[in-house]
């Protein structure tokens, strides 16, 4: 794994660890409870994160064979990409956005099911990332519905930034 991807993986792993810590004291009833009728429960937020990570994994899994077929080689650059999405303020924006239908969560999943799905979605993403070894992910691009065209480094990094955004949302729901 190249140095830029290693750094992004560390970043998303840190974000996941922070997310899990944030929900570690949330019981089953609080997982399902909605603070307000138009807002997601903590469980729905977690399910949304699972769906988003699955989407990014699928995108990466589809891009890798295409990149190999096109002869995309290894990334030789070493500059950090960890702050490449900072100007979007993904983590700090409190403005409510409408999620695309593909990542709208389902209610009713238990805390245990959600934590298991989070673990599974992360394992699948990590497996896809390992398959990308030797490919310059900056050469693989796909549009994001809000942020515009992102390369696959950006999409992977987005997973962590997006989790931090929703970690803050969970903290607000817990505090209510």
N, C-alpha and C. Protein backbone atom coordinates (compact mmCIF):
# COMPACT_ATOMS: atom_id res chain seq x y z
N UNK A 1 0.85 -1.18 0.00
CA UNK A 1 0.00 0.00 0.00
C UNK A 1 0.90 1.24 0.00
N UNK A 2 0.60 2.19 -0.88
CA UNK A 2 1.44 3.39 -0.94
C UNK A 2 1.22 4.27 0.29
N UNK A 3 2.17 5.17 0.49
CA UNK A 3 2.19 5.99 1.70
C UNK A 3 0.94 6.88 1.83
N UNK A 4 0.44 7.37 0.69
CA UNK A 4 -0.74 8.24 0.74
C UNK A 4 -1.98 7.45 1.17
N UNK A 5 -2.11 6.25 0.65
CA UNK A 5 -3.25 5.41 1.02
C UNK A 5 -3.13 4.94 2.46
N UNK A 6 -1.92 4.62 2.90
CA UNK A 6 -1.71 4.23 4.30
C UNK A 6 -2.18 5.33 5.24
N UNK A 7 -1.85 6.56 4.91
CA UNK A 7 -2.23 7.69 5.75
C UNK A 7 -3.75 7.88 5.78
N UNK A 8 -4.40 7.71 4.63
CA UNK A 8 -5.85 7.83 4.57
C UNK A 8 -6.51 6.71 5.37
N UNK A 9 -5.97 5.50 5.27
CA UNK A 9 -6.52 4.38 6.03
C UNK A 9 -6.41 4.65 7.53
N UNK A 10 -5.28 5.18 7.97
CA UNK A 10 -5.14 5.53 9.39
C UNK A 10 -6.19 6.56 9.80
N UNK A 11 -6.43 7.52 8.92
CA UNK A 11 -7.41 8.57 9.20
C UNK A 11 -8.83 7.99 9.33
N UNK A 12 -9.22 7.11 8.40
CA UNK A 12 -10.57 6.55 8.49
C UNK A 12 -10.71 5.59 9.67
N UNK A 13 -9.62 4.92 10.02
CA UNK A 13 -9.66 4.03 11.19
C UNK A 13 -9.81 4.85 12.47
N UNK A 14 -9.14 5.99 12.54
CA UNK A 14 -9.28 6.87 13.70
C UNK A 14 -10.70 7.39 13.80
N UNK A 15 -11.26 7.81 12.67
CA UNK A 15 -12.64 8.30 12.66
C UNK A 15 -13.61 7.21 13.12
N UNK A 16 -13.39 5.97 12.67
CA UNK A 16 -14.27 4.87 13.07
C UNK A 16 -14.15 4.61 14.57
N UNK A 17 -12.95 4.65 15.07
CA UNK A 17 -12.74 4.43 16.50
C UNK A 17 -13.47 5.51 17.31
N UNK A 18 -13.40 6.75 16.86
CA UNK A 18 -14.11 7.85 17.53
C UNK A 18 -15.63 7.63 17.47
N UNK A 19 -16.12 7.18 16.33
CA UNK A 19 -17.55 6.91 16.18
C UNK A 19 -18.01 5.83 17.16
N UNK A 20 -17.27 4.74 17.21
CA UNK A 20 -17.63 3.63 18.09
C UNK A 20 -17.59 4.08 19.55
N UNK A 21 -16.61 4.89 19.90
CA UNK A 21 -16.53 5.43 21.26
C UNK A 21 -17.76 6.28 21.57
N UNK A 22 -18.21 7.06 20.60
CA UNK A 22 -19.37 7.94 20.79
C UNK A 22 -20.64 7.15 21.07
N UNK A 23 -20.78 5.99 20.44
CA UNK A 23 -22.00 5.19 20.64
C UNK A 23 -21.84 4.07 21.66
N UNK A 24 -20.68 4.01 22.29
CA UNK A 24 -20.43 2.90 23.23
C UNK A 24 -21.38 2.88 24.42
N UNK A 25 -21.90 4.03 24.80
CA UNK A 25 -22.78 4.09 25.96
C UNK A 25 -24.26 4.22 25.57
N UNK A 26 -24.56 4.04 24.30
CA UNK A 26 -25.93 4.18 23.82
C UNK A 26 -26.65 2.83 23.95
N UNK A 27 -27.75 2.83 24.67
CA UNK A 27 -28.50 1.58 24.85
C UNK A 27 -29.46 1.36 23.68
N UNK A 28 -30.15 0.24 23.70
CA UNK A 28 -31.05 -0.15 22.60
C UNK A 28 -32.16 0.86 22.40
N UNK A 29 -32.78 1.30 23.48
CA UNK A 29 -33.88 2.26 23.35
C UNK A 29 -33.40 3.57 22.76
N UNK A 30 -32.25 4.04 23.19
CA UNK A 30 -31.70 5.29 22.67
C UNK A 30 -31.25 5.15 21.22
N UNK A 31 -30.85 3.96 20.82
CA UNK A 31 -30.45 3.73 19.44
C UNK A 31 -31.63 3.95 18.50
N UNK A 32 -32.81 3.54 18.93
CA UNK A 32 -34.00 3.61 18.07
C UNK A 32 -34.78 4.91 18.20
N UNK A 33 -34.55 5.66 19.27
CA UNK A 33 -35.36 6.86 19.54
C UNK A 33 -35.00 8.01 18.61
N UNK A 34 -36.05 8.66 18.11
CA UNK A 34 -35.86 9.87 17.30
C UNK A 34 -36.05 11.09 18.20
N UNK A 35 -35.12 12.02 18.12
CA UNK A 35 -35.22 13.25 18.90
C UNK A 35 -36.39 14.10 18.42
N UNK A 36 -36.52 14.18 17.11
CA UNK A 36 -37.60 14.92 16.47
C UNK A 36 -38.14 14.06 15.33
N UNK A 37 -39.41 14.21 14.97
CA UNK A 37 -40.00 13.37 13.92
C UNK A 37 -39.26 13.42 12.58
N UNK A 38 -38.70 14.56 12.20
CA UNK A 38 -38.02 14.68 10.91
C UNK A 38 -36.55 14.34 10.93
N UNK A 39 -36.05 13.87 12.07
CA UNK A 39 -34.62 13.58 12.18
C UNK A 39 -34.38 12.09 12.40
N UNK A 40 -33.21 11.66 11.99
CA UNK A 40 -32.84 10.25 12.15
C UNK A 40 -32.51 9.93 13.60
N UNK A 41 -32.79 8.69 13.96
CA UNK A 41 -32.34 8.16 15.25
C UNK A 41 -30.85 7.85 15.14
N UNK A 42 -30.23 7.57 16.26
CA UNK A 42 -28.82 7.17 16.26
C UNK A 42 -28.66 5.90 15.41
N UNK A 43 -29.59 4.98 15.53
CA UNK A 43 -29.53 3.76 14.73
C UNK A 43 -29.61 4.05 13.24
N UNK A 44 -30.47 4.98 12.87
CA UNK A 44 -30.59 5.33 11.44
C UNK A 44 -29.32 6.02 10.95
N UNK A 45 -28.70 6.84 11.79
CA UNK A 45 -27.44 7.47 11.42
C UNK A 45 -26.38 6.40 11.18
N UNK A 46 -26.30 5.43 12.08
CA UNK A 46 -25.33 4.35 11.92
C UNK A 46 -25.60 3.54 10.66
N UNK A 47 -26.87 3.28 10.38
CA UNK A 47 -27.20 2.52 9.17
C UNK A 47 -26.83 3.33 7.92
N UNK A 48 -27.05 4.63 7.95
CA UNK A 48 -26.65 5.50 6.85
C UNK A 48 -25.14 5.39 6.61
N UNK A 49 -24.37 5.35 7.68
CA UNK A 49 -22.91 5.23 7.54
C UNK A 49 -22.52 3.88 6.93
N UNK A 50 -23.22 2.83 7.32
CA UNK A 50 -22.99 1.51 6.73
C UNK A 50 -23.27 1.57 5.22
N UNK A 51 -24.41 2.13 4.86
CA UNK A 51 -24.79 2.20 3.44
C UNK A 51 -23.80 3.03 2.63
N UNK A 52 -23.33 4.12 3.20
CA UNK A 52 -22.35 4.96 2.50
C UNK A 52 -21.04 4.21 2.30
N UNK A 53 -20.59 3.52 3.33
CA UNK A 53 -19.33 2.78 3.22
C UNK A 53 -19.47 1.65 2.20
N UNK A 54 -20.61 0.99 2.17
CA UNK A 54 -20.84 -0.05 1.17
C UNK A 54 -20.80 0.54 -0.23
N UNK A 55 -21.38 1.71 -0.39
CA UNK A 55 -21.39 2.37 -1.70
C UNK A 55 -19.96 2.68 -2.16
N UNK A 56 -19.14 3.22 -1.26
CA UNK A 56 -17.75 3.53 -1.60
C UNK A 56 -16.98 2.25 -1.91
N UNK A 57 -17.25 1.20 -1.17
CA UNK A 57 -16.59 -0.09 -1.43
C UNK A 57 -16.95 -0.60 -2.82
N UNK A 58 -18.22 -0.56 -3.15
CA UNK A 58 -18.67 -1.02 -4.47
C UNK A 58 -18.03 -0.18 -5.57
N UNK A 59 -17.98 1.11 -5.36
CA UNK A 59 -17.35 2.00 -6.34
C UNK A 59 -15.88 1.63 -6.55
N UNK A 60 -15.17 1.42 -5.48
CA UNK A 60 -13.76 1.03 -5.55
C UNK A 60 -13.61 -0.32 -6.24
N UNK A 61 -14.45 -1.28 -5.87
CA UNK A 61 -14.38 -2.62 -6.48
C UNK A 61 -14.63 -2.57 -7.99
N UNK A 62 -15.45 -1.65 -8.43
CA UNK A 62 -15.72 -1.52 -9.87
C UNK A 62 -14.60 -0.79 -10.60
N UNK A 63 -13.97 0.15 -9.91
CA UNK A 63 -12.93 0.97 -10.53
C UNK A 63 -11.61 0.21 -10.69
N UNK A 64 -11.29 -0.67 -9.76
CA UNK A 64 -9.99 -1.35 -9.77
C UNK A 64 -9.78 -2.18 -11.03
N UNK A 65 -10.70 -3.06 -11.42
CA UNK A 65 -10.47 -3.83 -12.65
C UNK A 65 -10.36 -2.94 -13.89
N UNK A 66 -11.15 -1.89 -13.93
CA UNK A 66 -11.08 -0.96 -15.05
C UNK A 66 -9.71 -0.29 -15.11
N UNK A 67 -9.19 0.07 -13.95
CA UNK A 67 -7.87 0.70 -13.89
C UNK A 67 -6.78 -0.27 -14.36
N UNK A 68 -6.88 -1.51 -13.92
CA UNK A 68 -5.89 -2.52 -14.36
C UNK A 68 -5.97 -2.72 -15.88
N UNK A 69 -7.21 -2.78 -16.41
CA UNK A 69 -7.39 -2.93 -17.85
C UNK A 69 -6.80 -1.76 -18.63
N UNK A 70 -6.88 -0.56 -18.05
CA UNK A 70 -6.35 0.64 -18.70
C UNK A 70 -4.85 0.78 -18.49
N UNK A 71 -4.28 -0.06 -17.64
CA UNK A 71 -2.85 0.01 -17.38
C UNK A 71 -2.44 1.09 -16.41
N UNK A 72 -3.35 1.50 -15.52
CA UNK A 72 -3.01 2.51 -14.52
C UNK A 72 -1.97 1.91 -13.57
N UNK A 73 -0.86 2.62 -13.43
CA UNK A 73 0.23 2.12 -12.60
C UNK A 73 0.17 2.61 -11.16
N UNK A 74 1.27 2.41 -10.48
CA UNK A 74 1.37 2.76 -9.07
C UNK A 74 1.48 4.27 -8.89
N UNK A 75 1.11 4.72 -7.73
CA UNK A 75 1.23 6.13 -7.35
C UNK A 75 2.61 6.33 -6.76
N UNK A 76 3.38 7.23 -7.34
CA UNK A 76 4.73 7.49 -6.85
C UNK A 76 4.80 8.78 -6.03
N UNK A 77 3.70 9.49 -5.94
CA UNK A 77 3.68 10.74 -5.15
C UNK A 77 3.64 10.40 -3.67
N UNK A 78 4.14 11.33 -2.86
CA UNK A 78 4.20 11.08 -1.42
C UNK A 78 3.51 12.17 -0.59
N UNK A 79 3.07 13.25 -1.23
CA UNK A 79 2.45 14.32 -0.42
C UNK A 79 1.14 13.82 0.18
N UNK A 80 0.88 14.32 1.36
CA UNK A 80 -0.30 13.91 2.11
C UNK A 80 -1.58 14.36 1.42
N UNK A 81 -2.60 13.53 1.52
CA UNK A 81 -3.93 13.86 1.01
C UNK A 81 -4.96 13.97 2.14
N UNK A 82 -4.52 13.80 3.36
CA UNK A 82 -5.43 13.77 4.50
C UNK A 82 -6.25 15.05 4.62
N UNK A 83 -5.69 16.17 4.20
CA UNK A 83 -6.41 17.44 4.31
C UNK A 83 -7.00 17.89 2.98
N UNK A 84 -7.00 17.02 1.99
CA UNK A 84 -7.44 17.39 0.65
C UNK A 84 -8.94 17.72 0.56
N UNK A 85 -9.71 17.27 1.50
CA UNK A 85 -11.15 17.56 1.50
C UNK A 85 -11.54 18.62 2.54
N UNK A 86 -10.55 19.18 3.23
CA UNK A 86 -10.85 20.09 4.33
C UNK A 86 -11.66 21.31 3.89
N UNK A 87 -11.42 21.81 2.72
CA UNK A 87 -12.11 23.05 2.31
C UNK A 87 -13.61 22.82 2.11
N UNK A 88 -14.05 21.57 2.04
CA UNK A 88 -15.48 21.27 1.95
C UNK A 88 -16.18 21.35 3.31
N UNK A 89 -15.41 21.37 4.38
CA UNK A 89 -15.94 21.44 5.75
C UNK A 89 -16.94 20.31 6.02
N UNK A 90 -16.64 19.14 5.55
CA UNK A 90 -17.55 18.00 5.69
C UNK A 90 -17.84 17.70 7.15
N UNK A 91 -16.82 17.77 7.97
CA UNK A 91 -16.96 17.39 9.37
C UNK A 91 -17.70 18.41 10.22
N UNK A 92 -17.64 19.67 9.82
CA UNK A 92 -18.14 20.73 10.70
C UNK A 92 -19.45 21.35 10.25
N UNK A 93 -19.86 21.14 9.04
CA UNK A 93 -21.08 21.78 8.55
C UNK A 93 -22.28 21.19 9.28
N UNK A 94 -23.07 22.06 9.86
CA UNK A 94 -24.26 21.61 10.59
C UNK A 94 -25.50 21.64 9.70
N UNK A 95 -25.35 22.18 8.50
CA UNK A 95 -26.49 22.27 7.57
C UNK A 95 -26.99 20.86 7.22
N UNK A 96 -28.29 20.70 7.31
CA UNK A 96 -28.89 19.41 6.97
C UNK A 96 -28.89 19.22 5.46
N UNK A 97 -28.46 18.07 5.02
CA UNK A 97 -28.48 17.71 3.60
C UNK A 97 -29.45 16.56 3.41
N UNK A 98 -29.98 16.45 2.22
CA UNK A 98 -30.87 15.34 1.90
C UNK A 98 -30.02 14.21 1.32
N UNK A 99 -30.08 13.06 1.95
CA UNK A 99 -29.28 11.92 1.50
C UNK A 99 -29.88 11.34 0.22
N UNK A 100 -29.01 10.94 -0.72
CA UNK A 100 -29.52 10.22 -1.89
C UNK A 100 -30.24 8.94 -1.46
N UNK A 101 -31.20 8.52 -2.21
CA UNK A 101 -32.03 7.36 -1.86
C UNK A 101 -31.20 6.13 -1.54
N UNK A 102 -30.08 5.96 -2.22
CA UNK A 102 -29.24 4.76 -2.02
C UNK A 102 -28.62 4.68 -0.64
N UNK A 103 -28.60 5.80 0.09
CA UNK A 103 -28.01 5.78 1.43
C UNK A 103 -28.99 6.26 2.51
N UNK A 104 -30.28 6.21 2.18
CA UNK A 104 -31.30 6.51 3.19
C UNK A 104 -31.46 5.27 4.07
N UNK A 105 -31.32 5.46 5.39
CA UNK A 105 -31.33 4.30 6.28
C UNK A 105 -32.72 3.72 6.52
N UNK A 106 -32.70 2.51 7.00
CA UNK A 106 -33.93 1.83 7.42
C UNK A 106 -34.01 1.87 8.94
N UNK A 107 -35.17 2.12 9.49
CA UNK A 107 -35.31 2.06 10.94
C UNK A 107 -35.45 0.60 11.39
N UNK A 108 -35.30 0.40 12.69
CA UNK A 108 -35.62 -0.90 13.25
C UNK A 108 -34.47 -1.86 13.43
N UNK A 109 -33.26 -1.50 12.99
CA UNK A 109 -32.13 -2.40 13.22
C UNK A 109 -31.66 -2.26 14.67
N UNK A 110 -31.26 -3.36 15.26
CA UNK A 110 -30.80 -3.32 16.65
C UNK A 110 -29.38 -2.76 16.72
N UNK A 111 -29.01 -2.34 17.90
CA UNK A 111 -27.67 -1.82 18.14
C UNK A 111 -26.63 -2.87 17.74
N UNK A 112 -26.87 -4.09 18.13
CA UNK A 112 -25.95 -5.18 17.80
C UNK A 112 -25.83 -5.40 16.29
N UNK A 113 -26.96 -5.39 15.60
CA UNK A 113 -26.94 -5.54 14.14
C UNK A 113 -26.17 -4.40 13.48
N UNK A 114 -26.37 -3.20 13.97
CA UNK A 114 -25.71 -2.04 13.39
C UNK A 114 -24.20 -2.09 13.60
N UNK A 115 -23.78 -2.44 14.81
CA UNK A 115 -22.34 -2.55 15.08
C UNK A 115 -21.71 -3.65 14.24
N UNK A 116 -22.43 -4.75 14.05
CA UNK A 116 -21.94 -5.84 13.20
C UNK A 116 -21.83 -5.39 11.75
N UNK A 117 -22.85 -4.66 11.27
CA UNK A 117 -22.81 -4.17 9.89
C UNK A 117 -21.70 -3.15 9.69
N UNK A 118 -21.44 -2.32 10.70
CA UNK A 118 -20.32 -1.38 10.60
C UNK A 118 -18.99 -2.12 10.49
N UNK A 119 -18.83 -3.16 11.29
CA UNK A 119 -17.60 -3.96 11.23
C UNK A 119 -17.46 -4.64 9.87
N UNK A 120 -18.56 -5.20 9.38
CA UNK A 120 -18.53 -5.88 8.08
C UNK A 120 -18.24 -4.90 6.94
N UNK A 121 -18.88 -3.74 6.97
CA UNK A 121 -18.66 -2.78 5.89
C UNK A 121 -17.22 -2.29 5.90
N UNK A 122 -16.64 -2.13 7.08
CA UNK A 122 -15.23 -1.70 7.15
C UNK A 122 -14.30 -2.81 6.65
N UNK A 123 -14.58 -4.04 7.02
CA UNK A 123 -13.75 -5.16 6.54
C UNK A 123 -13.80 -5.25 5.02
N UNK A 124 -14.97 -5.06 4.45
CA UNK A 124 -15.11 -5.11 2.99
C UNK A 124 -14.38 -3.94 2.33
N UNK A 125 -14.47 -2.76 2.92
CA UNK A 125 -13.73 -1.62 2.37
C UNK A 125 -12.23 -1.89 2.43
N UNK A 126 -11.76 -2.40 3.53
CA UNK A 126 -10.32 -2.68 3.66
C UNK A 126 -9.87 -3.74 2.66
N UNK A 127 -10.71 -4.71 2.39
CA UNK A 127 -10.39 -5.73 1.39
C UNK A 127 -10.29 -5.08 0.00
N UNK A 128 -11.21 -4.20 -0.31
CA UNK A 128 -11.17 -3.51 -1.60
C UNK A 128 -9.93 -2.62 -1.69
N UNK A 129 -9.59 -1.94 -0.61
CA UNK A 129 -8.39 -1.10 -0.60
C UNK A 129 -7.15 -1.94 -0.84
N UNK A 130 -7.09 -3.11 -0.24
CA UNK A 130 -5.91 -3.97 -0.44
C UNK A 130 -5.80 -4.43 -1.90
N UNK A 131 -6.93 -4.57 -2.58
CA UNK A 131 -6.92 -4.94 -3.99
C UNK A 131 -6.43 -3.80 -4.88
N UNK A 132 -6.43 -2.60 -4.35
CA UNK A 132 -6.00 -1.43 -5.11
C UNK A 132 -4.49 -1.22 -5.05
N UNK A 133 -3.79 -2.11 -4.37
CA UNK A 133 -2.35 -1.97 -4.26
C UNK A 133 -1.71 -1.92 -5.65
N UNK A 134 -0.84 -0.95 -5.85
CA UNK A 134 -0.17 -0.81 -7.14
C UNK A 134 -0.92 0.04 -8.15
N UNK A 135 -2.03 0.64 -7.72
CA UNK A 135 -2.82 1.49 -8.62
C UNK A 135 -2.85 2.91 -8.08
N UNK A 136 -2.63 3.87 -8.94
CA UNK A 136 -2.71 5.28 -8.57
C UNK A 136 -4.18 5.68 -8.52
N UNK A 137 -4.71 5.75 -7.32
CA UNK A 137 -6.13 6.02 -7.14
C UNK A 137 -6.52 7.45 -7.52
N UNK A 138 -5.53 8.32 -7.72
CA UNK A 138 -5.85 9.67 -8.19
C UNK A 138 -6.31 9.64 -9.65
N UNK A 139 -6.05 8.55 -10.34
CA UNK A 139 -6.44 8.40 -11.74
C UNK A 139 -7.87 7.86 -11.90
N UNK A 140 -8.48 7.47 -10.80
CA UNK A 140 -9.84 6.91 -10.82
C UNK A 140 -10.79 7.92 -10.21
N UNK A 141 -11.69 8.45 -11.00
CA UNK A 141 -12.57 9.51 -10.52
C UNK A 141 -14.03 9.14 -10.74
N UNK A 142 -14.86 9.68 -9.84
CA UNK A 142 -16.29 9.46 -9.91
C UNK A 142 -16.97 10.64 -9.22
N UNK A 143 -18.09 11.12 -9.76
CA UNK A 143 -18.74 12.30 -9.15
C UNK A 143 -19.44 11.99 -7.83
N UNK A 144 -19.30 12.91 -6.90
CA UNK A 144 -20.03 12.88 -5.64
C UNK A 144 -21.21 13.84 -5.81
N UNK A 145 -22.39 13.49 -5.30
CA UNK A 145 -23.57 14.32 -5.54
C UNK A 145 -23.49 15.74 -4.98
N UNK A 146 -22.68 15.97 -3.99
CA UNK A 146 -22.55 17.31 -3.40
C UNK A 146 -21.17 17.92 -3.67
N UNK A 147 -20.13 17.12 -3.56
CA UNK A 147 -18.76 17.62 -3.64
C UNK A 147 -18.21 17.70 -5.05
N UNK A 148 -18.89 17.09 -5.99
CA UNK A 148 -18.38 17.07 -7.37
C UNK A 148 -17.45 15.88 -7.59
N UNK A 149 -16.61 15.99 -8.58
CA UNK A 149 -15.74 14.89 -8.98
C UNK A 149 -14.65 14.65 -7.93
N UNK A 150 -14.60 13.42 -7.41
CA UNK A 150 -13.57 13.02 -6.45
C UNK A 150 -12.80 11.85 -7.03
N UNK A 151 -11.49 11.81 -6.74
CA UNK A 151 -10.77 10.59 -7.08
C UNK A 151 -10.99 9.57 -5.96
N UNK A 152 -10.50 8.38 -6.16
CA UNK A 152 -10.78 7.33 -5.17
C UNK A 152 -10.09 7.57 -3.84
N UNK A 153 -8.97 8.28 -3.83
CA UNK A 153 -8.40 8.68 -2.54
C UNK A 153 -9.42 9.54 -1.81
N UNK A 154 -10.02 10.49 -2.53
CA UNK A 154 -11.01 11.38 -1.94
C UNK A 154 -12.22 10.63 -1.43
N UNK A 155 -12.68 9.64 -2.22
CA UNK A 155 -13.85 8.86 -1.79
C UNK A 155 -13.55 8.08 -0.51
N UNK A 156 -12.37 7.49 -0.43
CA UNK A 156 -12.02 6.73 0.78
C UNK A 156 -11.90 7.68 1.97
N UNK A 157 -11.23 8.81 1.76
CA UNK A 157 -11.10 9.81 2.82
C UNK A 157 -12.48 10.34 3.23
N UNK A 158 -13.37 10.48 2.27
CA UNK A 158 -14.73 10.95 2.56
C UNK A 158 -15.41 10.06 3.59
N UNK A 159 -15.16 8.77 3.54
CA UNK A 159 -15.77 7.85 4.52
C UNK A 159 -15.48 8.32 5.94
N UNK A 160 -14.23 8.65 6.23
CA UNK A 160 -13.87 9.11 7.57
C UNK A 160 -14.43 10.48 7.90
N UNK A 161 -14.34 11.41 6.96
CA UNK A 161 -14.87 12.76 7.18
C UNK A 161 -16.38 12.70 7.41
N UNK A 162 -17.05 11.88 6.64
CA UNK A 162 -18.50 11.71 6.74
C UNK A 162 -18.86 11.10 8.10
N UNK A 163 -18.07 10.14 8.56
CA UNK A 163 -18.34 9.55 9.87
C UNK A 163 -18.16 10.57 10.98
N UNK A 164 -17.16 11.44 10.84
CA UNK A 164 -16.97 12.48 11.86
C UNK A 164 -18.13 13.46 11.85
N UNK A 165 -18.64 13.78 10.68
CA UNK A 165 -19.81 14.67 10.59
C UNK A 165 -20.98 14.07 11.37
N UNK A 166 -21.22 12.77 11.13
CA UNK A 166 -22.36 12.13 11.77
C UNK A 166 -22.07 11.78 13.24
N UNK A 167 -20.82 11.66 13.61
CA UNK A 167 -20.47 11.48 15.01
C UNK A 167 -20.92 12.71 15.79
N UNK A 168 -20.71 13.88 15.21
CA UNK A 168 -21.16 15.12 15.85
C UNK A 168 -22.69 15.16 15.93
N UNK A 169 -23.35 14.66 14.89
CA UNK A 169 -24.82 14.59 14.89
C UNK A 169 -25.30 13.66 16.01
N UNK A 170 -24.64 12.53 16.15
CA UNK A 170 -24.98 11.58 17.21
C UNK A 170 -24.80 12.23 18.58
N UNK A 171 -23.71 12.98 18.75
CA UNK A 171 -23.48 13.65 20.03
C UNK A 171 -24.60 14.64 20.33
N UNK A 172 -25.10 15.33 19.29
CA UNK A 172 -26.22 16.26 19.49
C UNK A 172 -27.49 15.50 19.88
N UNK A 173 -27.73 14.37 19.24
CA UNK A 173 -28.92 13.56 19.56
C UNK A 173 -28.81 13.04 20.99
N UNK A 174 -27.64 12.58 21.38
CA UNK A 174 -27.44 12.09 22.74
C UNK A 174 -27.65 13.19 23.77
N UNK A 175 -27.26 14.41 23.43
CA UNK A 175 -27.35 15.52 24.36
C UNK A 175 -28.75 16.08 24.51
N UNK A 176 -29.63 15.69 23.61
CA UNK A 176 -31.00 16.25 23.63
C UNK A 176 -31.86 15.58 24.69
